[in-house]
Amino acid sequence: MCIVTSMATQPKSRARARARGGARQRGPEGLFLVEEIERLRAWALAACAQGVRNGALLVTFLGTAGRRFEVGALRTGDVREGPGGFEVYFPETKGGDSATVPVTPETWTALRAWIAGKPARGESAGPLTPLFVSERGGFMHTTTIWRAFKDAVQEAGIKRTVGVHASRHAAGFLLLRATNDLVKVQRFLRHKNLTTTSAWYAHIHMPDLRAGLAKAGL
């Protein structure tokens, strides 16, 4: 039997949040710590260089802030050098649109090396072939990607369970620390509303706020 919970029967706090249509405040649970992000990035780059699929997946998640289904739909030709520099093109995004995100030379080089190694792994490297290939030779299912991400996190030495979406916000957090510009983070994460971005990073940015207060002697 399927039970549908109406707005009237939801807890008042949830009902108000949904009625407002805005993003709720997000807690820090399920997000990566700064030292964990650094550990993940280092492990991912090293594993990707060795032709390990999970490493290449992590490089993509951290370097592009892509969602699980977006990364799963990538083709080899989507890792490209555009007029303005290195970029990754997402043919499918939330809302049914497409998007292009800039990436660092380090991320681009790692992913191009992963693509260059495809023939040695018995995979096609044509521009329209999947960037990450399933066992059947097609695009990886989002469930398979979730399992691969979970394995990669464990292999990187992080024992607690953290969802794939945490890698997206790890990328946003590092960009915020580097630029102190929430609008840039919004553009990178492709949030339509700045309120959504603020709801996440009001909590994530707290360690830096504490450090700033200590430095100010307050």
C-alpha atoms as a PDB file:
ATOM      1  CA  MET A   1       0.000   0.000   0.000  1.00  0.00           C
ATOM      2  CA  CYS A   2       1.328   3.430  -0.936  1.00  0.00           C
ATOM      3  CA  ILE A   3       0.835   6.165   1.656  1.00  0.00           C
ATOM      4  CA  VAL A   4       0.978   9.765   0.443  1.00  0.00           C
ATOM      5  CA  THR A   5       1.739  12.407   3.050  1.00  0.00           C
ATOM      6  CA  SER A   6      -0.006  15.692   2.362  1.00  0.00           C
ATOM      7  CA  MET A   7       1.328  19.136   3.201  1.00  0.00           C
ATOM      8  CA  ALA A   8      -1.158  19.408   6.060  1.00  0.00           C
ATOM      9  CA  THR A   9       0.103  16.241   7.779  1.00  0.00           C
ATOM     10  CA  GLN A  10       3.803  17.041   7.487  1.00  0.00           C
ATOM     11  CA  PRO A  11       5.713  18.467  10.447  1.00  0.00           C
ATOM     12  CA  LYS A  12       5.145  22.216  10.533  1.00  0.00           C
ATOM     13  CA  SER A  13       8.795  23.079   9.875  1.00  0.00           C
ATOM     14  CA  ARG A  14       8.832  20.958   6.702  1.00  0.00           C
ATOM     15  CA  ALA A  15       5.486  22.292   5.569  1.00  0.00           C
ATOM     16  CA  ARG A  16       6.627  25.901   5.970  1.00  0.00           C
ATOM     17  CA  ALA A  17       9.880  25.241   4.119  1.00  0.00           C
ATOM     18  CA  ARG A  18       8.102  23.664   1.181  1.00  0.00           C
ATOM     19  CA  ALA A  19       5.417  26.338   1.131  1.00  0.00           C
ATOM     20  CA  ARG A  20       8.087  29.041   0.911  1.00  0.00           C
ATOM     21  CA  GLY A  21       9.681  27.196  -1.984  1.00  0.00           C
ATOM     22  CA  GLY A  22      13.151  28.050  -0.712  1.00  0.00           C
ATOM     23  CA  ALA A  23      16.097  25.876   0.261  1.00  0.00           C
ATOM     24  CA  ARG A  24      16.308  24.697   3.844  1.00  0.00           C
ATOM     25  CA  GLN A  25      19.407  25.122   5.961  1.00  0.00           C
ATOM     26  CA  ARG A  26      21.749  22.210   5.413  1.00  0.00           C
ATOM     27  CA  GLY A  27      23.688  20.589   8.204  1.00  0.00           C
ATOM     28  CA  PRO A  28      27.306  19.436   7.985  1.00  0.00           C
ATOM     29  CA  GLU A  29      26.427  15.743   8.316  1.00  0.00           C
ATOM     30  CA  GLY A  30      27.331  13.690   5.260  1.00  0.00           C
ATOM     31  CA  LEU A  31      29.800  16.251   3.923  1.00  0.00           C
ATOM     32  CA  PHE A  32      33.538  15.847   3.501  1.00  0.00           C
ATOM     33  CA  LEU A  33      35.950  17.558   5.864  1.00  0.00           C
ATOM     34  CA  VAL A  34      38.771  19.664   4.417  1.00  0.00           C
ATOM     35  CA  GLU A  35      41.434  17.040   5.099  1.00  0.00           C
ATOM     36  CA  GLU A  36      39.191  14.377   3.562  1.00  0.00           C
ATOM     37  CA  ILE A  37      38.760  16.415   0.378  1.00  0.00           C
ATOM     38  CA  GLU A  38      42.530  16.797   0.059  1.00  0.00           C
ATOM     39  CA  ARG A  39      43.019  13.067   0.639  1.00  0.00           C
ATOM     40  CA  LEU A  40      40.362  12.176  -1.927  1.00  0.00           C
ATOM     41  CA  ARG A  41      41.834  14.481  -4.559  1.00  0.00           C
ATOM     42  CA  ALA A  42      45.368  13.145  -4.101  1.00  0.00           C
ATOM     43  CA  TRP A  43      44.225   9.519  -4.210  1.00  0.00           C
ATOM     44  CA  ALA A  44      41.986  10.131  -7.236  1.00  0.00           C
ATOM     45  CA  LEU A  45      44.735  11.749  -9.314  1.00  0.00           C
ATOM     46  CA  ALA A  46      47.199   8.963  -8.506  1.00  0.00           C
ATOM     47  CA  ALA A  47      44.652   6.212  -9.233  1.00  0.00           C
ATOM     48  CA  CYS A  48      43.516   7.895 -12.458  1.00  0.00           C
ATOM     49  CA  ALA A  49      47.129   8.053 -13.656  1.00  0.00           C
ATOM     50  CA  GLN A  50      47.319   4.276 -13.141  1.00  0.00           C
ATOM     51  CA  GLY A  51      44.183   3.687 -15.211  1.00  0.00           C
ATOM     52  CA  VAL A  52      41.900   2.950 -12.255  1.00  0.00           C
ATOM     53  CA  ARG A  53      38.297   3.736 -13.144  1.00  0.00           C
ATOM     54  CA  ASN A  54      37.279   4.750  -9.618  1.00  0.00           C
ATOM     55  CA  GLY A  55      40.101   7.276  -9.561  1.00  0.00           C
ATOM     56  CA  ALA A  56      38.966   8.785 -12.854  1.00  0.00           C
ATOM     57  CA  LEU A  57      35.405   8.952 -11.551  1.00  0.00           C
ATOM     58  CA  LEU A  58      36.530  10.831  -8.444  1.00  0.00           C
ATOM     59  CA  VAL A  59      38.642  13.238 -10.502  1.00  0.00           C
ATOM     60  CA  THR A  60      35.551  13.994 -12.565  1.00  0.00           C
ATOM     61  CA  PHE A  61      33.251  14.488  -9.590  1.00  0.00           C
ATOM     62  CA  LEU A  62      35.665  16.741  -7.716  1.00  0.00           C
ATOM     63  CA  GLY A  63      36.865  18.638 -10.783  1.00  0.00           C
ATOM     64  CA  THR A  64      33.486  19.371 -12.338  1.00  0.00           C
ATOM     65  CA  ALA A  65      31.005  19.286  -9.406  1.00  0.00           C
ATOM     66  CA  GLY A  66      28.873  17.086 -11.634  1.00  0.00           C
ATOM     67  CA  ARG A  67      25.833  15.210 -10.412  1.00  0.00           C
ATOM     68  CA  ARG A  68      25.797  11.427 -10.572  1.00  0.00           C
ATOM     69  CA  PHE A  69      23.625  11.118 -13.674  1.00  0.00           C
ATOM     70  CA  GLU A  70      25.494  13.979 -15.359  1.00  0.00           C
ATOM     71  CA  VAL A  71      28.857  12.257 -14.956  1.00  0.00           C
ATOM     72  CA  GLY A  72      27.346   8.963 -16.082  1.00  0.00           C
ATOM     73  CA  ALA A  73      26.195  10.533 -19.360  1.00  0.00           C
ATOM     74  CA  LEU A  74      29.607  11.968 -20.286  1.00  0.00           C
ATOM     75  CA  ARG A  75      31.273  10.956 -23.547  1.00  0.00           C
ATOM     76  CA  THR A  76      34.974  11.054 -24.308  1.00  0.00           C
ATOM     77  CA  GLY A  77      34.510  14.066 -26.594  1.00  0.00           C
ATOM     78  CA  ASP A  78      32.934  16.036 -23.751  1.00  0.00           C
ATOM     79  CA  VAL A  79      36.356  16.488 -22.129  1.00  0.00           C
ATOM     80  CA  ARG A  80      37.638  19.155 -24.457  1.00  0.00           C
ATOM     81  CA  GLU A  81      39.615  22.322 -24.984  1.00  0.00           C
ATOM     82  CA  GLY A  82      37.244  25.174 -25.719  1.00  0.00           C
ATOM     83  CA  PRO A  83      37.852  28.747 -26.900  1.00  0.00           C
ATOM     84  CA  GLY A  84      38.343  29.935 -23.323  1.00  0.00           C
ATOM     85  CA  GLY A  85      40.338  26.993 -22.010  1.00  0.00           C
ATOM     86  CA  PHE A  86      39.844  23.462 -20.709  1.00  0.00           C
ATOM     87  CA  GLU A  87      36.252  22.407 -20.071  1.00  0.00           C
ATOM     88  CA  VAL A  88      33.815  19.539 -19.654  1.00  0.00           C
ATOM     89  CA  TYR A  89      30.506  19.603 -21.487  1.00  0.00           C
ATOM     90  CA  PHE A  90      27.525  17.951 -19.800  1.00  0.00           C
ATOM     91  CA  PRO A  91      25.024  16.830 -22.488  1.00  0.00           C
ATOM     92  CA  GLU A  92      22.403  16.111 -19.816  1.00  0.00           C
ATOM     93  CA  THR A  93      21.839  18.210 -16.688  1.00  0.00           C
ATOM     94  CA  LYS A  94      19.158  18.824 -14.098  1.00  0.00           C
ATOM     95  CA  GLY A  95      16.162  20.367 -15.812  1.00  0.00           C
ATOM     96  CA  GLY A  96      16.930  18.735 -19.151  1.00  0.00           C
ATOM     97  CA  ASP A  97      19.442  21.326 -20.320  1.00  0.00           C
ATOM     98  CA  SER A  98      23.125  21.019 -21.203  1.00  0.00           C
ATOM     99  CA  ALA A  99      26.016  22.862 -19.558  1.00  0.00           C
ATOM    100  CA  THR A 100      29.713  23.571 -19.923  1.00  0.00           C
ATOM    101  CA  VAL A 101      31.961  23.908 -16.880  1.00  0.00           C
ATOM    102  CA  PRO A 102      35.598  25.047 -16.806  1.00  0.00           C
ATOM    103  CA  VAL A 103      38.152  22.659 -15.350  1.00  0.00           C
ATOM    104  CA  THR A 104      41.740  23.065 -14.226  1.00  0.00           C
ATOM    105  CA  PRO A 105      44.646  21.903 -16.408  1.00  0.00           C
ATOM    106  CA  GLU A 106      45.326  19.208 -13.790  1.00  0.00           C
ATOM    107  CA  THR A 107      41.806  17.787 -14.075  1.00  0.00           C
ATOM    108  CA  TRP A 108      41.816  18.027 -17.872  1.00  0.00           C
ATOM    109  CA  THR A 109      45.218  16.326 -18.170  1.00  0.00           C
ATOM    110  CA  ALA A 110      44.147  13.498 -15.855  1.00  0.00           C
ATOM    111  CA  LEU A 111      40.937  12.842 -17.796  1.00  0.00           C
ATOM    112  CA  ARG A 112      42.630  13.042 -21.191  1.00  0.00           C
ATOM    113  CA  ALA A 113      45.173  10.488 -19.953  1.00  0.00           C
ATOM    114  CA  TRP A 114      42.263   8.285 -18.863  1.00  0.00           C
ATOM    115  CA  ILE A 115      40.770   8.581 -22.355  1.00  0.00           C
ATOM    116  CA  ALA A 116      44.117   7.878 -24.019  1.00  0.00           C
ATOM    117  CA  GLY A 117      44.327   4.608 -22.092  1.00  0.00           C
ATOM    118  CA  LYS A 118      40.952   3.335 -23.308  1.00  0.00           C
ATOM    119  CA  PRO A 119      42.283   1.235 -26.225  1.00  0.00           C
ATOM    120  CA  ALA A 120      44.664  -0.565 -23.864  1.00  0.00           C
ATOM    121  CA  ARG A 121      41.665  -1.435 -21.695  1.00  0.00           C
ATOM    122  CA  GLY A 122      39.758  -2.748 -24.717  1.00  0.00           C
ATOM    123  CA  GLU A 123      37.425   0.271 -24.881  1.00  0.00           C
ATOM    124  CA  SER A 124      36.578   2.539 -27.770  1.00  0.00           C
ATOM    125  CA  ALA A 125      37.890   6.094 -27.520  1.00  0.00           C
ATOM    126  CA  GLY A 126      35.637   7.728 -30.119  1.00  0.00           C
ATOM    127  CA  PRO A 127      34.211  11.160 -29.227  1.00  0.00           C
ATOM    128  CA  LEU A 128      30.676   9.796 -28.735  1.00  0.00           C
ATOM    129  CA  THR A 129      31.575   6.716 -26.701  1.00  0.00           C
ATOM    130  CA  PRO A 130      30.966   6.668 -22.920  1.00  0.00           C
ATOM    131  CA  LEU A 131      33.666   8.242 -20.790  1.00  0.00           C
ATOM    132  CA  PHE A 132      32.942   5.566 -18.186  1.00  0.00           C
ATOM    133  CA  VAL A 133      31.942   2.226 -19.651  1.00  0.00           C
ATOM    134  CA  SER A 134      29.689  -0.346 -18.013  1.00  0.00           C
ATOM    135  CA  GLU A 135      30.437  -4.065 -18.033  1.00  0.00           C
ATOM    136  CA  ARG A 136      28.097  -4.360 -21.015  1.00  0.00           C
ATOM    137  CA  GLY A 137      29.940  -1.688 -22.950  1.00  0.00           C
ATOM    138  CA  GLY A 138      27.421   1.124 -22.550  1.00  0.00           C
ATOM    139  CA  PHE A 139      27.004   4.031 -20.174  1.00  0.00           C
ATOM    140  CA  MET A 140      27.308   3.226 -16.478  1.00  0.00           C
ATOM    141  CA  HIS A 141      24.059   3.081 -14.506  1.00  0.00           C
ATOM    142  CA  THR A 142      23.767   5.608 -11.675  1.00  0.00           C
ATOM    143  CA  THR A 143      23.568   2.776  -9.138  1.00  0.00           C
ATOM    144  CA  THR A 144      26.852   1.356 -10.421  1.00  0.00           C
ATOM    145  CA  ILE A 145      28.403   4.816 -10.187  1.00  0.00           C
ATOM    146  CA  TRP A 146      27.203   5.127  -6.585  1.00  0.00           C
ATOM    147  CA  ARG A 147      28.826   1.795  -5.697  1.00  0.00           C
ATOM    148  CA  ALA A 148      32.060   2.758  -7.461  1.00  0.00           C
ATOM    149  CA  PHE A 149      32.114   6.080  -5.596  1.00  0.00           C
ATOM    150  CA  LYS A 150      31.569   4.319  -2.286  1.00  0.00           C
ATOM    151  CA  ASP A 151      34.462   1.938  -3.046  1.00  0.00           C
ATOM    152  CA  ALA A 152      36.707   4.843  -4.082  1.00  0.00           C
ATOM    153  CA  VAL A 153      36.079   6.708  -0.834  1.00  0.00           C
ATOM    154  CA  GLN A 154      36.975   3.581   1.127  1.00  0.00           C
ATOM    155  CA  GLU A 155      40.104   3.034  -0.967  1.00  0.00           C
ATOM    156  CA  ALA A 156      41.138   6.626  -0.288  1.00  0.00           C
ATOM    157  CA  GLY A 157      41.108   5.817   3.444  1.00  0.00           C
ATOM    158  CA  ILE A 158      37.799   7.421   4.443  1.00  0.00           C
ATOM    159  CA  LYS A 159      35.815   4.812   6.350  1.00  0.00           C
ATOM    160  CA  ARG A 160      32.545   6.597   6.998  1.00  0.00           C
ATOM    161  CA  THR A 161      29.678   6.515   4.508  1.00  0.00           C
ATOM    162  CA  VAL A 162      29.322   9.696   2.454  1.00  0.00           C
ATOM    163  CA  GLY A 163      27.040  10.139  -0.551  1.00  0.00           C
ATOM    164  CA  VAL A 164      28.110  11.015  -4.090  1.00  0.00           C
ATOM    165  CA  HIS A 165      26.554  14.474  -3.793  1.00  0.00           C
ATOM    166  CA  ALA A 166      29.110  15.343  -1.105  1.00  0.00           C
ATOM    167  CA  SER A 167      31.826  15.463  -3.782  1.00  0.00           C
ATOM    168  CA  ARG A 168      29.853  18.159  -5.596  1.00  0.00           C
ATOM    169  CA  HIS A 169      29.802  20.333  -2.509  1.00  0.00           C
ATOM    170  CA  ALA A 170      33.420  19.549  -1.711  1.00  0.00           C
ATOM    171  CA  ALA A 171      34.289  21.195  -5.024  1.00  0.00           C
ATOM    172  CA  GLY A 172      32.069  24.157  -4.211  1.00  0.00           C
ATOM    173  CA  PHE A 173      33.588  24.513  -0.763  1.00  0.00           C
ATOM    174  CA  LEU A 174      37.148  24.619  -2.096  1.00  0.00           C
ATOM    175  CA  LEU A 175      36.127  27.226  -4.666  1.00  0.00           C
ATOM    176  CA  LEU A 176      34.490  29.326  -1.944  1.00  0.00           C
ATOM    177  CA  ARG A 177      37.603  29.181   0.234  1.00  0.00           C
ATOM    178  CA  ALA A 178      39.769  30.209  -2.720  1.00  0.00           C
ATOM    179  CA  THR A 179      37.582  33.058  -3.997  1.00  0.00           C
ATOM    180  CA  ASN A 180      35.314  34.053  -1.094  1.00  0.00           C
ATOM    181  CA  ASP A 181      32.708  34.660  -3.805  1.00  0.00           C
ATOM    182  CA  LEU A 182      29.387  32.864  -3.407  1.00  0.00           C
ATOM    183  CA  VAL A 183      28.235  33.951  -6.875  1.00  0.00           C
ATOM    184  CA  LYS A 184      31.174  32.124  -8.478  1.00  0.00           C
ATOM    185  CA  VAL A 185      30.249  29.024  -6.492  1.00  0.00           C
ATOM    186  CA  GLN A 186      26.640  29.349  -7.662  1.00  0.00           C
ATOM    187  CA  ARG A 187      27.777  29.546 -11.286  1.00  0.00           C
ATOM    188  CA  PHE A 188      30.101  26.550 -10.900  1.00  0.00           C
ATOM    189  CA  LEU A 189      27.473  24.394  -9.203  1.00  0.00           C
ATOM    190  CA  ARG A 190      24.827  25.690 -11.628  1.00  0.00           C
ATOM    191  CA  HIS A 191      22.296  26.511  -8.950  1.00  0.00           C
ATOM    192  CA  LYS A 192      19.445  28.555 -10.389  1.00  0.00           C
ATOM    193  CA  ASN A 193      18.922  30.375  -7.106  1.00  0.00           C
ATOM    194  CA  LEU A 194      21.669  31.885  -4.931  1.00  0.00           C
ATOM    195  CA  THR A 195      19.554  30.968  -1.893  1.00  0.00           C
ATOM    196  CA  THR A 196      20.224  27.293  -2.615  1.00  0.00           C
ATOM    197  CA  THR A 197      23.971  27.912  -2.586  1.00  0.00           C
ATOM    198  CA  SER A 198      23.772  29.969   0.603  1.00  0.00           C
ATOM    199  CA  ALA A 199      21.783  27.242   2.364  1.00  0.00           C
ATOM    200  CA  TRP A 200      24.622  24.781   1.858  1.00  0.00           C
ATOM    201  CA  TYR A 201      27.584  26.983   2.583  1.00  0.00           C
ATOM    202  CA  ALA A 202      26.260  28.776   5.637  1.00  0.00           C
ATOM    203  CA  HIS A 203      27.241  25.589   7.462  1.00  0.00           C
ATOM    204  CA  ILE A 204      30.223  24.414   5.442  1.00  0.00           C
ATOM    205  CA  HIS A 205      31.975  27.750   5.817  1.00  0.00           C
ATOM    206  CA  MET A 206      31.740  27.721   9.637  1.00  0.00           C
ATOM    207  CA  PRO A 207      35.328  26.449  10.262  1.00  0.00           C
ATOM    208  CA  ASP A 208      36.714  29.373   8.279  1.00  0.00           C
ATOM    209  CA  LEU A 209      34.483  31.753  10.220  1.00  0.00           C
ATOM    210  CA  ARG A 210      35.839  30.397  13.495  1.00  0.00           C
ATOM    211  CA  ALA A 211      39.406  30.761  12.210  1.00  0.00           C
ATOM    212  CA  GLY A 212      38.663  34.359  11.222  1.00  0.00           C
ATOM    213  CA  LEU A 213      37.259  35.171  14.645  1.00  0.00           C
ATOM    214  CA  ALA A 214      40.337  33.702  16.326  1.00  0.00           C
ATOM    215  CA  LYS A 215      42.620  35.717  14.050  1.00  0.00           C
ATOM    216  CA  ALA A 216      40.660  38.869  14.843  1.00  0.00           C
ATOM    217  CA  GLY A 217      41.003  38.192  18.566  1.00  0.00           C
ATOM    218  CA  LEU A 218      37.242  38.212  19.141  1.00  0.00           C
END
